[in-house]
Amino acid sequence: MAINEMNERVAPIIITDSESGKEYTLEFNRESVKFAESRGFCIQDVDRQPFVKLPELFWYAFRMHHMNVSKEKADRILFDDLGGMPEGMAERLGALYGSPYDALINKENKPKNPNVTVQF
């Protein structure tokens, strides 16, 4: 479940092929973000190279729920089936991508386990 800065859920993107009934849920978790970053993806590059990076971000969003979707299949869905990203999709993908960072940074400075402390 993706959470934004105000702890409100960012709803995943769901793509449904009404012909086949196949449904794709686009969302990110720590593992899917790590997968993207380990391949050199940087979210800031989307603004500088949108024609390269937006389709990559779209493909990486499949990773959480549909690991076996290839880049080629994601491109076919994006360009052949959808005809490009609908307005607002790029922003939602960015919000979904940023959501797992809440698991990396503890903004409240309170450990989950109260028996564990940190000093620095």
Protein backbone atom coordinates (compact mmCIF):
# COMPACT_ATOMS: atom_id res chain seq x y z
CA MET A 1 0.00 0.00 0.00
CA ALA A 2 1.48 3.31 -1.08
CA ILE A 3 1.38 6.20 1.40
CA ASN A 4 2.04 9.86 0.58
CA GLU A 5 3.60 12.50 2.85
CA MET A 6 0.34 13.11 4.70
CA ASN A 7 -0.09 9.37 5.38
CA GLU A 8 -2.89 9.14 2.86
CA ARG A 9 -2.97 6.10 0.64
CA VAL A 10 -1.90 6.62 -2.96
CA ALA A 11 -4.15 4.31 -4.93
CA PRO A 12 -2.41 1.99 -7.39
CA ILE A 13 -3.02 2.29 -11.11
CA ILE A 14 -5.12 -0.57 -12.47
CA ILE A 15 -5.15 -1.32 -16.19
CA THR A 16 -7.83 -3.71 -17.41
CA ASP A 17 -7.96 -5.33 -20.83
CA SER A 18 -11.69 -5.83 -21.32
CA GLU A 19 -11.13 -8.27 -24.19
CA SER A 20 -9.03 -10.74 -22.24
CA GLY A 21 -10.16 -9.73 -18.75
CA LYS A 22 -6.49 -9.38 -17.74
CA GLU A 23 -5.88 -6.84 -15.03
CA TYR A 24 -2.54 -5.18 -14.23
CA THR A 25 -1.91 -3.37 -10.94
CA LEU A 26 0.86 -0.78 -11.12
CA GLU A 27 2.44 0.05 -7.78
CA PHE A 28 5.82 0.16 -6.04
CA ASN A 29 7.31 -1.39 -2.92
CA ARG A 30 10.88 -1.38 -1.61
CA GLU A 31 11.88 -4.32 -3.81
CA SER A 32 10.52 -2.83 -7.03
CA VAL A 33 12.25 0.52 -6.33
CA LYS A 34 15.51 -1.33 -5.57
CA PHE A 35 15.09 -3.22 -8.85
CA ALA A 36 14.73 0.07 -10.74
CA GLU A 37 17.62 1.77 -8.96
CA SER A 38 19.93 -1.21 -9.40
CA ARG A 39 19.44 -0.74 -13.15
CA GLY A 40 20.43 2.92 -12.97
CA PHE A 41 16.95 4.44 -12.82
CA CYS A 42 16.81 7.86 -11.13
CA ILE A 43 13.38 9.48 -10.68
CA GLN A 44 14.90 12.96 -11.23
CA ASP A 45 15.85 11.90 -14.76
CA VAL A 46 12.16 11.72 -15.75
CA ASP A 47 12.08 15.52 -16.11
CA ARG A 48 15.31 15.58 -18.14
CA GLN A 49 14.62 12.56 -20.37
CA PRO A 50 10.85 11.96 -20.41
CA PHE A 51 10.82 9.95 -23.66
CA VAL A 52 13.26 7.45 -22.18
CA LYS A 53 12.47 7.54 -18.47
CA LEU A 54 8.66 7.67 -18.39
CA PRO A 55 8.29 4.36 -20.28
CA GLU A 56 10.91 2.86 -17.93
CA LEU A 57 8.99 4.09 -14.86
CA PHE A 58 5.81 2.59 -16.34
CA TRP A 59 7.57 -0.77 -16.78
CA TYR A 60 9.08 -0.73 -13.29
CA ALA A 61 5.58 -0.14 -11.86
CA PHE A 62 4.60 -3.62 -13.10
CA ARG A 63 7.37 -5.22 -11.03
CA MET A 64 5.57 -5.33 -7.67
CA HIS A 65 2.61 -7.41 -8.88
CA HIS A 66 3.65 -8.67 -12.33
CA MET A 67 7.35 -9.58 -12.27
CA ASN A 68 7.18 -11.47 -15.54
CA VAL A 69 5.95 -8.56 -17.66
CA SER A 70 8.78 -7.76 -20.06
CA LYS A 71 9.78 -4.24 -21.09
CA GLU A 72 8.49 -5.05 -24.59
CA LYS A 73 5.07 -6.08 -23.25
CA ALA A 74 4.89 -2.97 -21.03
CA ASP A 75 5.74 -0.82 -24.08
CA ARG A 76 2.99 -2.55 -26.11
CA ILE A 77 0.48 -1.86 -23.34
CA LEU A 78 1.62 1.77 -23.03
CA PHE A 79 1.85 2.66 -26.71
CA ASP A 80 -0.32 0.18 -28.64
CA ASP A 81 -3.12 -0.38 -26.14
CA LEU A 82 -3.28 2.89 -24.20
CA GLY A 83 -1.95 5.14 -26.97
CA GLY A 84 0.37 6.80 -24.44
CA MET A 85 -0.07 7.86 -20.83
CA PRO A 86 -3.39 9.42 -19.96
CA GLU A 87 -3.19 12.83 -18.29
CA GLY A 88 -2.24 12.45 -14.64
CA MET A 89 -0.66 9.00 -14.95
CA ALA A 90 2.94 10.26 -14.86
CA GLU A 91 2.25 12.18 -11.65
CA ARG A 92 0.58 9.16 -10.05
CA LEU A 93 3.50 6.92 -11.04
CA GLY A 94 5.87 9.40 -9.40
CA ALA A 95 3.80 9.43 -6.20
CA LEU A 96 3.67 5.63 -6.17
CA TYR A 97 7.43 5.43 -6.75
CA GLY A 98 8.12 7.75 -3.80
CA SER A 99 5.86 5.93 -1.35
CA PRO A 100 8.31 3.16 -0.33
CA TYR A 101 10.78 5.77 0.92
CA ASP A 102 8.63 6.04 4.05
CA ALA A 103 9.90 2.56 4.94
CA LEU A 104 13.50 3.74 4.52
CA ILE A 105 13.32 6.95 6.55
CA ASN A 106 11.70 6.99 9.99
CA LYS A 107 10.44 10.59 10.17
CA GLU A 108 8.93 10.14 13.63
CA ASN A 109 12.23 8.93 15.14
CA LYS A 110 10.37 6.20 16.99
CA PRO A 111 11.43 2.59 16.39
CA LYS A 112 8.75 0.02 15.61
CA ASN A 113 10.13 -2.08 18.45
CA PRO A 114 10.18 0.02 21.66
CA ASN A 115 12.92 -2.22 23.08
CA VAL A 116 15.39 -0.97 20.45
CA THR A 117 17.13 2.40 20.74
CA VAL A 118 19.48 4.36 18.50
CA GLN A 119 22.15 6.79 19.64
CA PHE A 120 24.31 8.92 17.36
